[in-house]
PDB file of all heavy atoms in Angstrom:
ATOM      1  N   ILE A   1    -213.059  11.787  11.910  1.00  0.00           N
ATOM      2  CA  ILE A   1    -213.116  10.324  11.842  1.00  0.00           C
ATOM      3  C   ILE A   1    -212.310   9.773  13.003  1.00  0.00           C
ATOM      4  O   ILE A   1    -211.124  10.080  13.145  1.00  0.00           O
ATOM      5  CB  ILE A   1    -212.561   9.803  10.509  1.00  0.00           C
ATOM      6  CG1 ILE A   1    -213.453  10.257   9.342  1.00  0.00           C
ATOM      7  CG2 ILE A   1    -212.463   8.289  10.517  1.00  0.00           C
ATOM      8  CD1 ILE A   1    -212.994   9.765   7.999  1.00  0.00           C
ATOM      9  N   ARG A   2    -212.957   8.998  13.836  1.00  0.00           N
ATOM     10  CA  ARG A   2    -212.326   8.375  14.997  1.00  0.00           C
ATOM     11  C   ARG A   2    -211.614   9.410  15.879  1.00  0.00           C
ATOM     12  O   ARG A   2    -210.540   9.168  16.406  1.00  0.00           O
ATOM     13  CB  ARG A   2    -211.361   7.272  14.545  1.00  0.00           C
ATOM     14  CG  ARG A   2    -212.008   6.252  13.610  1.00  0.00           C
ATOM     15  CD  ARG A   2    -211.168   5.007  13.465  1.00  0.00           C
ATOM     16  NE  ARG A   2    -209.898   5.209  12.846  1.00  0.00           N
ATOM     17  CZ  ARG A   2    -209.710   5.251  11.530  1.00  0.00           C
ATOM     18  NH1 ARG A   2    -210.731   5.108  10.708  1.00  0.00           N
ATOM     19  NH2 ARG A   2    -208.502   5.401  11.028  1.00  0.00           N
ATOM     20  N   GLY A   3    -212.245  10.592  15.981  1.00  0.00           N
ATOM     21  CA  GLY A   3    -211.713  11.628  16.854  1.00  0.00           C
ATOM     22  C   GLY A   3    -210.694  12.534  16.208  1.00  0.00           C
ATOM     23  O   GLY A   3    -210.263  13.518  16.816  1.00  0.00           O
ATOM     24  N   TYR A   4    -210.306  12.262  14.960  1.00  0.00           N
ATOM     25  CA  TYR A   4    -209.315  13.084  14.267  1.00  0.00           C
ATOM     26  C   TYR A   4    -210.011  13.954  13.230  1.00  0.00           C
ATOM     27  O   TYR A   4    -210.924  13.509  12.532  1.00  0.00           O
ATOM     28  CB  TYR A   4    -208.279  12.213  13.554  1.00  0.00           C
ATOM     29  CG  TYR A   4    -207.417  11.391  14.472  1.00  0.00           C
ATOM     30  CD1 TYR A   4    -207.707  10.049  14.703  1.00  0.00           C
ATOM     31  CD2 TYR A   4    -206.311  11.942  15.095  1.00  0.00           C
ATOM     32  CE1 TYR A   4    -206.911   9.279  15.541  1.00  0.00           C
ATOM     33  CE2 TYR A   4    -205.516  11.186  15.934  1.00  0.00           C
ATOM     34  CZ  TYR A   4    -205.815   9.861  16.151  1.00  0.00           C
ATOM     35  OH  TYR A   4    -205.027   9.097  16.978  1.00  0.00           O
ATOM     36  N   ARG A   5    -209.561  15.205  13.114  1.00  0.00           N
ATOM     37  CA  ARG A   5    -210.090  16.085  12.069  1.00  0.00           C
ATOM     38  C   ARG A   5    -209.385  15.764  10.753  1.00  0.00           C
ATOM     39  O   ARG A   5    -208.156  15.779  10.665  1.00  0.00           O
ATOM     40  CB  ARG A   5    -209.886  17.557  12.441  1.00  0.00           C
ATOM     41  CG  ARG A   5    -210.518  18.512  11.437  1.00  0.00           C
ATOM     42  CD  ARG A   5    -210.539  19.921  11.960  1.00  0.00           C
ATOM     43  NE  ARG A   5    -211.369  20.049  13.135  1.00  0.00           N
ATOM     44  CZ  ARG A   5    -212.706  20.133  13.108  1.00  0.00           C
ATOM     45  NH1 ARG A   5    -213.339  20.094  11.953  1.00  0.00           N
ATOM     46  NH2 ARG A   5    -213.379  20.267  14.217  1.00  0.00           N
ATOM     47  N   ILE A   6    -210.186  15.472   9.748  1.00  0.00           N
ATOM     48  CA  ILE A   6    -209.665  15.061   8.442  1.00  0.00           C
ATOM     49  C   ILE A   6    -209.953  16.140   7.413  1.00  0.00           C
ATOM     50  O   ILE A   6    -211.047  16.712   7.384  1.00  0.00           O
ATOM     51  CB  ILE A   6    -210.324  13.737   7.986  1.00  0.00           C
ATOM     52  CG1 ILE A   6    -210.124  12.638   9.026  1.00  0.00           C
ATOM     53  CG2 ILE A   6    -209.776  13.311   6.635  1.00  0.00           C
ATOM     54  CD1 ILE A   6    -208.703  12.206   9.203  1.00  0.00           C
ATOM     55  N   GLU A   7    -208.988  16.420   6.565  1.00  0.00           N
ATOM     56  CA  GLU A   7    -209.163  17.342   5.456  1.00  0.00           C
ATOM     57  C   GLU A   7    -209.015  16.551   4.170  1.00  0.00           C
ATOM     58  O   GLU A   7    -207.920  16.112   3.807  1.00  0.00           O
ATOM     59  CB  GLU A   7    -208.145  18.480   5.535  1.00  0.00           C
ATOM     60  CG  GLU A   7    -208.389  19.396   6.731  1.00  0.00           C
ATOM     61  CD  GLU A   7    -207.146  20.129   7.176  1.00  0.00           C
ATOM     62  OE1 GLU A   7    -206.070  19.816   6.643  1.00  0.00           O
ATOM     63  OE2 GLU A   7    -207.252  20.994   8.053  1.00  0.00           O
ATOM     64  N   LEU A   8    -210.127  16.327   3.475  1.00  0.00           N
ATOM     65  CA  LEU A   8    -210.126  15.476   2.299  1.00  0.00           C
ATOM     66  C   LEU A   8    -209.211  16.030   1.208  1.00  0.00           C
ATOM     67  O   LEU A   8    -208.552  15.269   0.505  1.00  0.00           O
ATOM     68  CB  LEU A   8    -211.554  15.316   1.770  1.00  0.00           C
ATOM     69  CG  LEU A   8    -212.569  14.705   2.746  1.00  0.00           C
ATOM     70  CD1 LEU A   8    -213.936  14.616   2.091  1.00  0.00           C
ATOM     71  CD2 LEU A   8    -212.104  13.335   3.210  1.00  0.00           C
ATOM     72  N   GLY A   9    -209.178  17.351   1.095  1.00  0.00           N
ATOM     73  CA  GLY A   9    -208.326  17.954   0.071  1.00  0.00           C
ATOM     74  C   GLY A   9    -206.853  17.663   0.279  1.00  0.00           C
ATOM     75  O   GLY A   9    -206.087  17.545  -0.686  1.00  0.00           O
ATOM     76  N   GLU A  10    -206.430  17.532   1.537  1.00  0.00           N
ATOM     77  CA  GLU A  10    -205.026  17.239   1.813  1.00  0.00           C
ATOM     78  C   GLU A  10    -204.680  15.821   1.372  1.00  0.00           C
ATOM     79  O   GLU A  10    -203.574  15.562   0.880  1.00  0.00           O
ATOM     80  CB  GLU A  10    -204.744  17.416   3.301  1.00  0.00           C
ATOM     81  CG  GLU A  10    -203.265  17.350   3.647  1.00  0.00           C
ATOM     82  CD  GLU A  10    -202.973  17.766   5.073  1.00  0.00           C
ATOM     83  OE1 GLU A  10    -203.923  18.047   5.817  1.00  0.00           O
ATOM     84  OE2 GLU A  10    -201.783  17.811   5.427  1.00  0.00           O
ATOM     85  N   ILE A  11    -205.624  14.885   1.521  1.00  0.00           N
ATOM     86  CA  ILE A  11    -205.394  13.513   1.073  1.00  0.00           C
ATOM     87  C   ILE A  11    -205.311  13.477  -0.447  1.00  0.00           C
ATOM     88  O   ILE A  11    -204.443  12.818  -1.029  1.00  0.00           O
ATOM     89  CB  ILE A  11    -206.505  12.586   1.582  1.00  0.00           C
ATOM     90  CG1 ILE A  11    -206.603  12.663   3.104  1.00  0.00           C
ATOM     91  CG2 ILE A  11    -206.248  11.150   1.144  1.00  0.00           C
ATOM     92  CD1 ILE A  11    -207.795  11.930   3.678  1.00  0.00           C
ATOM     93  N   GLU A  12    -206.216  14.191  -1.112  1.00  0.00           N
ATOM     94  CA  GLU A  12    -206.191  14.238  -2.572  1.00  0.00           C
ATOM     95  C   GLU A  12    -204.881  14.843  -3.069  1.00  0.00           C
ATOM     96  O   GLU A  12    -204.288  14.362  -4.039  1.00  0.00           O
ATOM     97  CB  GLU A  12    -207.381  15.043  -3.075  1.00  0.00           C
ATOM     98  CG  GLU A  12    -208.726  14.387  -2.799  1.00  0.00           C
ATOM     99  CD  GLU A  12    -209.915  15.279  -3.119  1.00  0.00           C
ATOM    100  OE1 GLU A  12    -209.686  16.478  -3.407  1.00  0.00           O
ATOM    101  OE2 GLU A  12    -211.054  14.793  -3.076  1.00  0.00           O
ATOM    102  N   SER A  13    -204.427  15.900  -2.387  1.00  0.00           N
ATOM    103  CA  SER A  13    -203.162  16.527  -2.772  1.00  0.00           C
ATOM    104  C   SER A  13    -201.993  15.569  -2.612  1.00  0.00           C
ATOM    105  O   SER A  13    -201.089  15.518  -3.456  1.00  0.00           O
ATOM    106  CB  SER A  13    -202.940  17.789  -1.922  1.00  0.00           C
ATOM    107  OG  SER A  13    -201.717  18.415  -2.248  1.00  0.00           O
ATOM    108  N   ALA A  14    -202.009  14.769  -1.535  1.00  0.00           N
ATOM    109  CA  ALA A  14    -200.934  13.804  -1.310  1.00  0.00           C
ATOM    110  C   ALA A  14    -200.930  12.723  -2.386  1.00  0.00           C
ATOM    111  O   ALA A  14    -199.863  12.271  -2.829  1.00  0.00           O
ATOM    112  CB  ALA A  14    -201.081  13.177   0.074  1.00  0.00           C
ATOM    113  N   LEU A  15    -202.107  12.298  -2.825  1.00  0.00           N
ATOM    114  CA  LEU A  15    -202.184  11.297  -3.892  1.00  0.00           C
ATOM    115  C   LEU A  15    -201.663  11.856  -5.212  1.00  0.00           C
ATOM    116  O   LEU A  15    -200.937  11.175  -5.952  1.00  0.00           O
ATOM    117  CB  LEU A  15    -203.621  10.810  -4.055  1.00  0.00           C
ATOM    118  CG  LEU A  15    -204.094   9.772  -3.037  1.00  0.00           C
ATOM    119  CD1 LEU A  15    -205.607   9.624  -3.069  1.00  0.00           C
ATOM    120  CD2 LEU A  15    -203.412   8.426  -3.302  1.00  0.00           C
ATOM    121  N   ARG A  16    -202.017  13.105  -5.509  1.00  0.00           N
ATOM    122  CA  ARG A  16    -201.502  13.716  -6.746  1.00  0.00           C
ATOM    123  C   ARG A  16    -199.979  13.828  -6.709  1.00  0.00           C
ATOM    124  O   ARG A  16    -199.300  13.597  -7.710  1.00  0.00           O
ATOM    125  CB  ARG A  16    -202.122  15.098  -6.938  1.00  0.00           C
ATOM    126  CG  ARG A  16    -203.620  15.084  -7.227  1.00  0.00           C
ATOM    127  CD  ARG A  16    -204.089  16.478  -7.637  1.00  0.00           C
ATOM    128  NE  ARG A  16    -205.542  16.545  -7.734  1.00  0.00           N
ATOM    129  CZ  ARG A  16    -206.328  16.978  -6.771  1.00  0.00           C
ATOM    130  NH1 ARG A  16    -205.798  17.422  -5.627  1.00  0.00           N
ATOM    131  NH2 ARG A  16    -207.624  17.010  -6.917  1.00  0.00           N
ATOM    132  N   ALA A  17    -199.454  14.201  -5.541  1.00  0.00           N
ATOM    133  CA  ALA A  17    -198.001  14.336  -5.418  1.00  0.00           C
ATOM    134  C   ALA A  17    -197.299  12.993  -5.520  1.00  0.00           C
ATOM    135  O   ALA A  17    -196.185  12.900  -6.046  1.00  0.00           O
ATOM    136  CB  ALA A  17    -197.654  15.018  -4.087  1.00  0.00           C
ATOM    137  N   ALA A  18    -197.948  11.931  -5.031  1.00  0.00           N
ATOM    138  CA  ALA A  18    -197.341  10.594  -5.066  1.00  0.00           C
ATOM    139  C   ALA A  18    -197.384   9.987  -6.459  1.00  0.00           C
ATOM    140  O   ALA A  18    -196.540   9.157  -6.805  1.00  0.00           O
ATOM    141  CB  ALA A  18    -198.052   9.672  -4.074  1.00  0.00           C
ATOM    142  N   LEU A  19    -198.367  10.412  -7.281  1.00  0.00           N
ATOM    143  CA  LEU A  19    -198.538   9.834  -8.616  1.00  0.00           C
ATOM    144  C   LEU A  19    -198.632  10.946  -9.656  1.00  0.00           C
ATOM    145  O   LEU A  19    -199.635  11.080 -10.360  1.00  0.00           O
ATOM    146  CB  LEU A  19    -199.802   8.969  -8.655  1.00  0.00           C
ATOM    147  CG  LEU A  19    -199.913   7.852  -7.610  1.00  0.00           C
ATOM    148  CD1 LEU A  19    -201.323   7.278  -7.599  1.00  0.00           C
ATOM    149  CD2 LEU A  19    -198.892   6.758  -7.900  1.00  0.00           C
ATOM    150  N   PRO A  20    -197.589  11.754  -9.793  1.00  0.00           N
ATOM    151  CA  PRO A  20    -197.684  12.939 -10.658  1.00  0.00           C
ATOM    152  C   PRO A  20    -197.869  12.622 -12.133  1.00  0.00           C
ATOM    153  O   PRO A  20    -198.458  13.411 -12.864  1.00  0.00           O
ATOM    154  CB  PRO A  20    -196.350  13.659 -10.405  1.00  0.00           C
ATOM    155  CG  PRO A  20    -195.415  12.567  -9.981  1.00  0.00           C
ATOM    156  CD  PRO A  20    -196.257  11.606  -9.193  1.00  0.00           C
ATOM    157  N   GLU A  21    -197.368  11.476 -12.596  1.00  0.00           N
ATOM    158  CA  GLU A  21    -197.421  11.164 -14.023  1.00  0.00           C
ATOM    159  C   GLU A  21    -198.561  10.237 -14.388  1.00  0.00           C
ATOM    160  O   GLU A  21    -199.025  10.240 -15.537  1.00  0.00           O
ATOM    161  CB  GLU A  21    -196.090  10.544 -14.463  1.00  0.00           C
ATOM    162  CG  GLU A  21    -194.891  11.485 -14.298  1.00  0.00           C
ATOM    163  CD  GLU A  21    -193.605  10.835 -14.771  1.00  0.00           C
ATOM    164  OE1 GLU A  21    -193.653   9.642 -15.170  1.00  0.00           O
ATOM    165  OE2 GLU A  21    -192.559  11.508 -14.744  1.00  0.00           O
ATOM    166  N   SER A  22    -199.025   9.423 -13.446  1.00  0.00           N
ATOM    167  CA  SER A  22    -200.014   8.401 -13.789  1.00  0.00           C
ATOM    168  C   SER A  22    -201.434   8.727 -13.357  1.00  0.00           C
ATOM    169  O   SER A  22    -202.384   8.094 -13.807  1.00  0.00           O
ATOM    170  CB  SER A  22    -199.616   7.054 -13.179  1.00  0.00           C
ATOM    171  OG  SER A  22    -199.466   7.156 -11.771  1.00  0.00           O
ATOM    172  N   LEU A  23    -201.613   9.742 -12.489  1.00  0.00           N
ATOM    173  CA  LEU A  23    -202.939  10.048 -11.952  1.00  0.00           C
ATOM    174  C   LEU A  23    -203.521  11.275 -12.635  1.00  0.00           C
ATOM    175  O   LEU A  23    -202.940  12.350 -12.611  1.00  0.00           O
ATOM    176  CB  LEU A  23    -202.860  10.285 -10.444  1.00  0.00           C
ATOM    177  CG  LEU A  23    -204.182  10.520  -9.719  1.00  0.00           C
ATOM    178  CD1 LEU A  23    -205.107   9.316  -9.845  1.00  0.00           C
ATOM    179  CD2 LEU A  23    -203.936  10.848  -8.247  1.00  0.00           C
ATOM    180  N   ALA A  24    -204.717  11.108 -13.234  1.00  0.00           N
ATOM    181  CA  ALA A  24    -205.369  12.221 -13.907  1.00  0.00           C
ATOM    182  C   ALA A  24    -206.339  12.942 -12.985  1.00  0.00           C
ATOM    183  O   ALA A  24    -206.355  14.171 -12.935  1.00  0.00           O
ATOM    184  CB  ALA A  24    -206.107  11.723 -15.150  1.00  0.00           C
ATOM    185  N   GLN A  25    -207.173  12.185 -12.265  1.00  0.00           N
ATOM    186  CA  GLN A  25    -208.163  12.776 -11.364  1.00  0.00           C
ATOM    187  C   GLN A  25    -208.256  11.941 -10.098  1.00  0.00           C
ATOM    188  O   GLN A  25    -207.985  10.739 -10.106  1.00  0.00           O
ATOM    189  CB  GLN A  25    -209.546  12.821 -12.027  1.00  0.00           C
ATOM    190  CG  GLN A  25    -209.663  13.748 -13.217  1.00  0.00           C
ATOM    191  CD  GLN A  25    -211.048  13.664 -13.843  1.00  0.00           C
ATOM    192  OE1 GLN A  25    -211.430  12.640 -14.380  1.00  0.00           O
ATOM    193  NE2 GLN A  25    -211.803  14.750 -13.760  1.00  0.00           N
ATOM    194  N   VAL A  26    -208.656  12.601  -9.011  1.00  0.00           N
ATOM    195  CA  VAL A  26    -208.811  11.898  -7.743  1.00  0.00           C
ATOM    196  C   VAL A  26    -209.906  12.571  -6.925  1.00  0.00           C
ATOM    197  O   VAL A  26    -210.079  13.790  -6.978  1.00  0.00           O
ATOM    198  CB  VAL A  26    -207.481  11.869  -6.949  1.00  0.00           C
ATOM    199  CG1 VAL A  26    -206.982  13.292  -6.688  1.00  0.00           C
ATOM    200  CG2 VAL A  26    -207.658  11.122  -5.637  1.00  0.00           C
ATOM    201  N   ALA A  27    -210.648  11.762  -6.208  1.00  0.00           N
ATOM    202  CA  ALA A  27    -211.644  12.275  -5.260  1.00  0.00           C
ATOM    203  C   ALA A  27    -211.619  11.377  -4.039  1.00  0.00           C
ATOM    204  O   ALA A  27    -211.601  10.148  -4.160  1.00  0.00           O
ATOM    205  CB  ALA A  27    -213.036  12.296  -5.885  1.00  0.00           C
ATOM    206  N   VAL A  28    -211.589  11.983  -2.867  1.00  0.00           N
ATOM    207  CA  VAL A  28    -211.618  11.242  -1.607  1.00  0.00           C
ATOM    208  C   VAL A  28    -212.894  11.630  -0.869  1.00  0.00           C
ATOM    209  O   VAL A  28    -213.185  12.819  -0.714  1.00  0.00           O
ATOM    210  CB  VAL A  28    -210.384  11.539  -0.734  1.00  0.00           C
ATOM    211  CG1 VAL A  28    -210.482  10.805   0.597  1.00  0.00           C
ATOM    212  CG2 VAL A  28    -209.113  11.133  -1.465  1.00  0.00           C
ATOM    213  N   ILE A  29    -213.656  10.635  -0.438  1.00  0.00           N
ATOM    214  CA  ILE A  29    -214.899  10.895   0.293  1.00  0.00           C
ATOM    215  C   ILE A  29    -214.917  10.047   1.556  1.00  0.00           C
ATOM    216  O   ILE A  29    -214.129   9.111   1.713  1.00  0.00           O
ATOM    217  CB  ILE A  29    -216.146  10.583  -0.552  1.00  0.00           C
ATOM    218  CG1 ILE A  29    -216.253   9.070  -0.824  1.00  0.00           C
ATOM    219  CG2 ILE A  29    -216.129  11.368  -1.851  1.00  0.00           C
ATOM    220  CD1 ILE A  29    -217.567   8.661  -1.436  1.00  0.00           C
ATOM    221  N   ALA A  30    -215.819  10.394   2.451  1.00  0.00           N
ATOM    222  CA  ALA A  30    -216.030   9.613   3.674  1.00  0.00           C
ATOM    223  C   ALA A  30    -217.440   9.055   3.645  1.00  0.00           C
ATOM    224  O   ALA A  30    -218.392   9.767   3.293  1.00  0.00           O
ATOM    225  CB  ALA A  30    -215.831  10.487   4.908  1.00  0.00           C
ATOM    226  N   ARG A  31    -217.560   7.778   4.006  1.00  0.00           N
ATOM    227  CA  ARG A  31    -218.865   7.134   4.029  1.00  0.00           C
ATOM    228  C   ARG A  31    -218.977   6.267   5.267  1.00  0.00           C
ATOM    229  O   ARG A  31    -217.983   5.699   5.736  1.00  0.00           O
ATOM    230  CB  ARG A  31    -219.076   6.258   2.794  1.00  0.00           C
ATOM    231  CG  ARG A  31    -219.490   7.009   1.540  1.00  0.00           C
ATOM    232  CD  ARG A  31    -219.734   6.052   0.394  1.00  0.00           C
ATOM    233  NE  ARG A  31    -220.222   6.752  -0.798  1.00  0.00           N
ATOM    234  CZ  ARG A  31    -220.368   6.188  -1.983  1.00  0.00           C
ATOM    235  NH1 ARG A  31    -220.072   4.919  -2.137  1.00  0.00           N
ATOM    236  NH2 ARG A  31    -220.823   6.883  -3.000  1.00  0.00           N
ATOM    237  N   GLU A  32    -220.207   6.170   5.766  1.00  0.00           N
ATOM    238  CA  GLU A  32    -220.461   5.236   6.859  1.00  0.00           C
ATOM    239  C   GLU A  32    -220.615   3.838   6.289  1.00  0.00           C
ATOM    240  O   GLU A  32    -221.259   3.636   5.264  1.00  0.00           O
ATOM    241  CB  GLU A  32    -221.736   5.632   7.629  1.00  0.00           C
ATOM    242  CG  GLU A  32    -221.543   6.802   8.567  1.00  0.00           C
ATOM    243  CD  GLU A  32    -222.717   6.980   9.516  1.00  0.00           C
ATOM    244  OE1 GLU A  32    -223.715   6.253   9.351  1.00  0.00           O
ATOM    245  OE2 GLU A  32    -222.618   7.828  10.415  1.00  0.00           O
ATOM    246  N   VAL A  33    -219.995   2.880   6.970  1.00  0.00           N
ATOM    247  CA  VAL A  33    -220.035   1.488   6.536  1.00  0.00           C
ATOM    248  C   VAL A  33    -220.835   0.697   7.550  1.00  0.00           C
ATOM    249  O   VAL A  33    -220.561   0.757   8.756  1.00  0.00           O
ATOM    250  CB  VAL A  33    -218.606   0.915   6.404  1.00  0.00           C
ATOM    251  CG1 VAL A  33    -218.653  -0.550   6.004  1.00  0.00           C
ATOM    252  CG2 VAL A  33    -217.819   1.718   5.388  1.00  0.00           C
ATOM    253  N   SER A  34    -221.812  -0.047   7.078  1.00  0.00           N
ATOM    254  CA  SER A  34    -222.622  -0.861   7.988  1.00  0.00           C
ATOM    255  C   SER A  34    -221.819  -2.059   8.441  1.00  0.00           C
ATOM    256  O   SER A  34    -221.022  -2.628   7.683  1.00  0.00           O
ATOM    257  CB  SER A  34    -223.897  -1.330   7.285  1.00  0.00           C
ATOM    258  OG  SER A  34    -223.597  -2.094   6.147  1.00  0.00           O
ATOM    259  N   GLN A  35    -222.011  -2.434   9.690  1.00  0.00           N
ATOM    260  CA  GLN A  35    -221.314  -3.553  10.279  1.00  0.00           C
ATOM    261  C   GLN A  35    -222.256  -4.750  10.393  1.00  0.00           C
ATOM    262  O   GLN A  35    -223.459  -4.606  10.563  1.00  0.00           O
ATOM    263  CB  GLN A  35    -220.791  -3.200  11.679  1.00  0.00           C
ATOM    264  CG  GLN A  35    -219.830  -2.036  11.687  1.00  0.00           C
ATOM    265  CD  GLN A  35    -218.482  -2.384  11.117  1.00  0.00           C
ATOM    266  OE1 GLN A  35    -218.061  -3.520  11.161  1.00  0.00           O
ATOM    267  NE2 GLN A  35    -217.805  -1.402  10.551  1.00  0.00           N
ATOM    268  N   GLN A  36    -221.699  -5.946  10.290  1.00  0.00           N
ATOM    269  CA  GLN A  36    -222.497  -7.139  10.507  1.00  0.00           C
ATOM    270  C   GLN A  36    -222.981  -7.199  11.956  1.00  0.00           C
ATOM    271  O   GLN A  36    -224.073  -7.645  12.256  1.00  0.00           O
ATOM    272  CB  GLN A  36    -221.675  -8.386  10.199  1.00  0.00           C
ATOM    273  CG  GLN A  36    -221.437  -8.606   8.706  1.00  0.00           C
ATOM    274  CD  GLN A  36    -220.698  -9.894   8.450  1.00  0.00           C
ATOM    275  OE1 GLN A  36    -219.910 -10.338   9.285  1.00  0.00           O
ATOM    276  NE2 GLN A  36    -220.949 -10.501   7.317  1.00  0.00           N
ATOM    277  N   ASN A  37    -222.132  -6.729  12.854  1.00  0.00           N
ATOM    278  CA  ASN A  37    -222.491  -6.724  14.267  1.00  0.00           C
ATOM    279  C   ASN A  37    -223.432  -5.551  14.532  1.00  0.00           C
ATOM    280  O   ASN A  37    -223.045  -4.391  14.432  1.00  0.00           O
ATOM    281  CB  ASN A  37    -221.224  -6.580  15.122  1.00  0.00           C
ATOM    282  CG  ASN A  37    -221.503  -6.662  16.610  1.00  0.00           C
ATOM    283  OD1 ASN A  37    -222.650  -6.707  17.030  1.00  0.00           O
ATOM    284  ND2 ASN A  37    -220.452  -6.690  17.383  1.00  0.00           N
ATOM    285  N   GLN A  38    -224.691  -5.828  14.852  1.00  0.00           N
ATOM    286  CA  GLN A  38    -225.673  -4.777  15.026  1.00  0.00           C
ATOM    287  C   GLN A  38    -225.381  -3.903  16.240  1.00  0.00           C
ATOM    288  O   GLN A  38    -225.913  -2.805  16.364  1.00  0.00           O
ATOM    289  CB  GLN A  38    -227.068  -5.390  15.153  1.00  0.00           C
ATOM    290  CG  GLN A  38    -227.525  -6.099  13.881  1.00  0.00           C
ATOM    291  CD  GLN A  38    -228.910  -6.689  14.027  1.00  0.00           C
ATOM    292  OE1 GLN A  38    -229.489  -6.682  15.112  1.00  0.00           O
ATOM    293  NE2 GLN A  38    -229.435  -7.216  12.935  1.00  0.00           N
ATOM    294  N   ASN A  39    -224.553  -4.384  17.171  1.00  0.00           N
ATOM    295  CA  ASN A  39    -224.208  -3.601  18.353  1.00  0.00           C
ATOM    296  C   ASN A  39    -223.047  -2.643  18.098  1.00  0.00           C
ATOM    297  O   ASN A  39    -222.672  -1.869  18.961  1.00  0.00           O
ATOM    298  CB  ASN A  39    -223.847  -4.523  19.520  1.00  0.00           C
ATOM    299  CG  ASN A  39    -225.036  -5.356  19.965  1.00  0.00           C
ATOM    300  OD1 ASN A  39    -226.158  -4.878  19.987  1.00  0.00           O
ATOM    301  ND2 ASN A  39    -224.789  -6.610  20.317  1.00  0.00           N
TER     302      ASN A  39
END
């Protein structure tokens, strides 16, 4: 993403570590977002 290699599992792991008591499940995905500007 934007020239950087992303590991989705590492983001999910960071979220679990940040919210150990309140978070039951987490999933991180990447999606393309359409822009209003067609260019």
